[in-house]
Amino acid sequence: MKLVLATFNRDKGRELAALLDRPGFEVVLLADVPGAAPPAETGATLDENARIKARAALAHTGLPAVADDTGLEVDALDGRPGVQAARYAGPQASYADNVRKLLAELAGVPAARRDARFRAVCVACWPDGVELAAHGVLEGRIAAAPRGSGGFGYDPVFELPDGRTLAELAEAEKNAISHRALAMRRLAELITIKLEA
């Protein structure tokens, strides 16, 4: 089955493709499809934004489409940046811009109050109108400073209970435990069930 990954973020696309690397799935990145453009992510929730992206990719390509949306919820910031995580420091913000803003807002907040979680929603849409969704959550806390050279986004400041940041993990290790991995594995199971029905 050919699936289009509804993302223009090549880091995320590489991670999603690795998570969907299983027999019977051929994955195409929407960023590589001529004429494709990212839709406005106007949803108020991760689920809404994931559906917006998947539906737009389906409409452009005619192929079943998979999209995710991920948020970072920081307790000391009343759940911010949440659904705005990718655009926290502005619409064209870099990963580093977003991390700098997050750490600035948490300046002076002790480690015990820096609890946070990544939340991901992965959605698949088919031309026949079927839509499937799966969720994943990864608990942790925000580190005082970035550590590690792997991953992307907030990974260098997202600290796991064992003290390592996501950016300090090998890719395979991250893909075994991450919020996106949990959601995508469940979505892949739902896709397989649909195909076998």
Protein backbone atom coordinates (compact mmCIF):
# COMPACT_ATOMS: atom_id res chain seq x y z
CA MET A 1 0.00 0.00 0.00
CA LYS A 2 1.31 3.44 -0.96
CA LEU A 3 0.94 6.09 1.75
CA VAL A 4 1.78 9.78 1.62
CA LEU A 5 3.25 11.34 4.76
CA ALA A 6 1.66 14.76 5.12
CA THR A 7 4.68 16.73 6.29
CA PHE A 8 7.18 19.22 4.93
CA ASN A 9 9.46 18.75 7.92
CA ARG A 10 12.12 16.35 6.66
CA ASP A 11 13.25 15.45 10.19
CA LYS A 12 9.73 14.42 11.09
CA GLY A 13 9.25 12.73 7.72
CA ARG A 14 12.36 10.61 8.23
CA GLU A 15 11.16 9.60 11.70
CA LEU A 16 7.63 8.76 10.54
CA ALA A 17 8.94 6.79 7.56
CA ALA A 18 11.15 4.73 9.88
CA LEU A 19 8.17 4.03 12.12
CA LEU A 20 6.11 2.88 9.13
CA ASP A 21 8.91 0.73 7.70
CA ARG A 22 7.10 -2.56 7.53
CA PRO A 23 6.15 -5.04 4.80
CA GLY A 24 3.34 -3.84 2.56
CA PHE A 25 3.80 -0.08 3.19
CA GLU A 26 5.44 2.18 0.61
CA VAL A 27 5.90 5.69 1.96
CA VAL A 28 6.11 8.94 -0.03
CA LEU A 29 6.85 12.31 1.56
CA LEU A 30 4.40 15.07 0.63
CA ALA A 31 7.31 17.51 0.40
CA ASP A 32 8.51 15.50 -2.64
CA VAL A 33 5.16 15.69 -4.47
CA PRO A 34 5.11 18.41 -7.16
CA GLY A 35 2.77 21.30 -6.40
CA ALA A 36 2.12 20.29 -2.80
CA ALA A 37 1.97 23.01 -0.15
CA PRO A 38 1.37 22.81 3.59
CA PRO A 39 -2.15 23.72 4.69
CA ALA A 40 -2.77 26.29 7.40
CA GLU A 41 -2.85 24.50 10.75
CA THR A 42 -5.89 26.31 12.10
CA GLY A 43 -7.10 23.58 14.45
CA ALA A 44 -7.49 24.23 18.16
CA THR A 45 -6.30 20.70 19.00
CA LEU A 46 -3.61 18.28 17.86
CA ASP A 47 -6.31 15.98 16.47
CA GLU A 48 -7.81 18.76 14.36
CA ASN A 49 -4.44 19.79 12.95
CA ALA A 50 -3.45 16.21 12.13
CA ARG A 51 -6.73 15.74 10.27
CA ILE A 52 -6.29 19.03 8.38
CA LYS A 53 -2.87 17.90 7.17
CA ALA A 54 -3.92 14.35 6.28
CA ARG A 55 -7.04 15.49 4.41
CA ALA A 56 -5.06 18.08 2.44
CA ALA A 57 -2.45 15.49 1.43
CA LEU A 58 -5.20 13.06 0.39
CA ALA A 59 -6.93 15.76 -1.66
CA HIS A 60 -3.67 16.70 -3.43
CA THR A 61 -2.40 13.19 -4.17
CA GLY A 62 -5.45 10.92 -4.15
CA LEU A 63 -3.39 8.55 -1.97
CA PRO A 64 -4.14 7.42 1.57
CA ALA A 65 -2.43 9.99 3.77
CA VAL A 66 -0.85 9.89 7.21
CA ALA A 67 -0.22 12.99 9.30
CA ASP A 68 0.75 13.75 12.84
CA ASP A 69 0.58 16.75 15.10
CA THR A 70 2.61 16.98 18.25
CA GLY A 71 2.41 19.28 21.23
CA LEU A 72 4.63 19.94 24.21
CA GLU A 73 2.75 20.56 27.45
CA VAL A 74 4.73 22.14 30.29
CA ASP A 75 2.95 22.13 33.66
CA ALA A 76 4.67 25.27 34.96
CA LEU A 77 3.47 27.13 31.83
CA ASP A 78 -0.15 25.97 32.21
CA GLY A 79 0.25 23.52 29.33
CA ARG A 80 2.03 25.85 26.92
CA PRO A 81 3.30 25.71 24.23
CA GLY A 82 0.81 22.90 23.57
CA VAL A 83 -0.59 22.84 20.05
CA GLN A 84 1.60 25.85 19.19
CA ALA A 85 4.87 24.00 19.93
CA ALA A 86 6.26 24.23 16.38
CA ARG A 87 5.41 27.94 16.15
CA TYR A 88 6.08 28.92 19.75
CA ALA A 89 8.61 31.65 18.95
CA GLY A 90 6.77 32.73 15.77
CA PRO A 91 5.55 31.34 12.44
CA GLN A 92 9.05 30.98 10.95
CA ALA A 93 10.79 30.00 14.20
CA SER A 94 13.71 27.59 14.10
CA TYR A 95 14.10 24.72 16.55
CA ALA A 96 16.67 26.80 18.43
CA ASP A 97 14.31 29.82 18.58
CA ASN A 98 11.57 27.72 20.16
CA VAL A 99 13.95 26.15 22.69
CA ARG A 100 15.37 29.56 23.66
CA LYS A 101 11.88 30.95 24.27
CA LEU A 102 10.88 27.90 26.31
CA LEU A 103 13.99 28.06 28.50
CA ALA A 104 13.60 31.82 28.97
CA GLU A 105 10.03 31.33 30.19
CA LEU A 106 11.21 28.65 32.61
CA ALA A 107 14.15 30.64 33.97
CA GLY A 108 14.18 30.30 37.74
CA VAL A 109 11.68 27.43 37.79
CA PRO A 110 13.21 24.58 39.84
CA ALA A 111 13.64 21.10 38.34
CA ALA A 112 10.86 19.70 40.53
CA ARG A 113 8.36 22.01 38.82
CA ARG A 114 9.48 21.47 35.22
CA ASP A 115 7.31 18.42 34.49
CA ALA A 116 6.23 18.17 30.86
CA ARG A 117 4.93 15.77 28.29
CA PHE A 118 4.97 15.32 24.56
CA ARG A 119 1.59 14.42 23.13
CA ALA A 120 1.18 13.14 19.56
CA VAL A 121 -1.85 12.37 17.42
CA CYS A 122 -1.39 10.39 14.19
CA VAL A 123 -4.21 10.26 11.65
CA ALA A 124 -4.69 8.26 8.46
CA CYS A 125 -7.28 9.25 5.82
CA TRP A 126 -8.44 7.17 2.86
CA PRO A 127 -10.17 8.14 -0.39
CA ASP A 128 -13.23 6.16 0.77
CA GLY A 129 -13.69 8.57 3.71
CA VAL A 130 -12.35 6.30 6.44
CA GLU A 131 -10.25 8.10 9.04
CA LEU A 132 -8.25 6.44 11.80
CA ALA A 133 -6.49 8.12 14.71
CA ALA A 134 -4.07 7.05 17.42
CA HIS A 135 -2.48 8.86 20.35
CA GLY A 136 0.82 8.69 22.20
CA VAL A 137 2.19 10.45 25.30
CA LEU A 138 5.72 10.64 26.68
CA GLU A 139 6.24 12.03 30.19
CA GLY A 140 9.38 13.88 31.24
CA ARG A 141 10.61 17.31 32.29
CA ILE A 142 12.35 20.27 30.73
CA ALA A 143 16.11 20.33 31.33
CA ALA A 144 17.91 23.50 32.40
CA ALA A 145 19.97 23.54 29.17
CA PRO A 146 20.09 21.60 25.88
CA ARG A 147 22.04 18.32 25.83
CA GLY A 148 22.71 15.85 23.04
CA SER A 149 23.14 15.99 19.30
CA GLY A 150 20.38 13.71 18.09
CA GLY A 151 16.69 14.25 17.44
CA PHE A 152 15.15 17.59 16.57
CA GLY A 153 12.81 20.23 17.91
CA TYR A 154 12.64 20.22 21.71
CA ASP A 155 14.48 16.88 22.03
CA PRO A 156 17.67 18.46 23.50
CA VAL A 157 15.71 19.88 26.46
CA PHE A 158 13.17 17.09 26.98
CA GLU A 159 14.56 15.01 29.84
CA LEU A 160 13.39 11.47 30.48
CA PRO A 161 12.97 9.98 33.97
CA ASP A 162 16.43 8.35 33.62
CA GLY A 163 18.04 11.80 33.24
CA ARG A 164 18.87 11.62 29.53
CA THR A 165 17.33 13.98 27.00
CA LEU A 166 15.69 12.63 23.86
CA ALA A 167 18.61 14.13 21.91
CA GLU A 168 21.00 11.88 23.85
CA LEU A 169 19.29 8.71 22.62
CA ALA A 170 20.17 6.72 19.53
CA GLU A 171 17.49 7.01 16.86
CA ALA A 172 16.36 3.42 17.34
CA GLU A 173 16.04 3.94 21.09
CA LYS A 174 14.01 7.11 20.64
CA ASN A 175 11.77 5.38 18.10
CA ALA A 176 11.07 2.64 20.64
CA ILE A 177 9.68 4.96 23.34
CA SER A 178 8.67 8.33 21.89
CA HIS A 179 5.17 9.80 21.87
CA ARG A 180 5.17 9.75 18.06
CA ALA A 181 6.38 6.14 18.00
CA LEU A 182 3.61 5.05 20.37
CA ALA A 183 0.96 6.79 18.27
CA MET A 184 2.37 5.61 14.92
CA ARG A 185 2.72 2.00 16.02
CA ARG A 186 -0.91 1.98 17.10
CA LEU A 187 -1.96 3.67 13.86
CA ALA A 188 -0.01 1.12 11.83
CA GLU A 189 -1.90 -1.65 13.66
CA LEU A 190 -5.22 0.05 12.81
CA ILE A 191 -4.16 0.43 9.16
CA THR A 192 -3.26 -3.27 9.00
CA ILE A 193 -6.65 -4.19 10.49
CA LYS A 194 -8.38 -2.03 7.85
CA LEU A 195 -6.41 -3.61 5.03
CA GLU A 196 -7.19 -7.12 6.26
CA ALA A 197 -10.91 -6.45 6.75
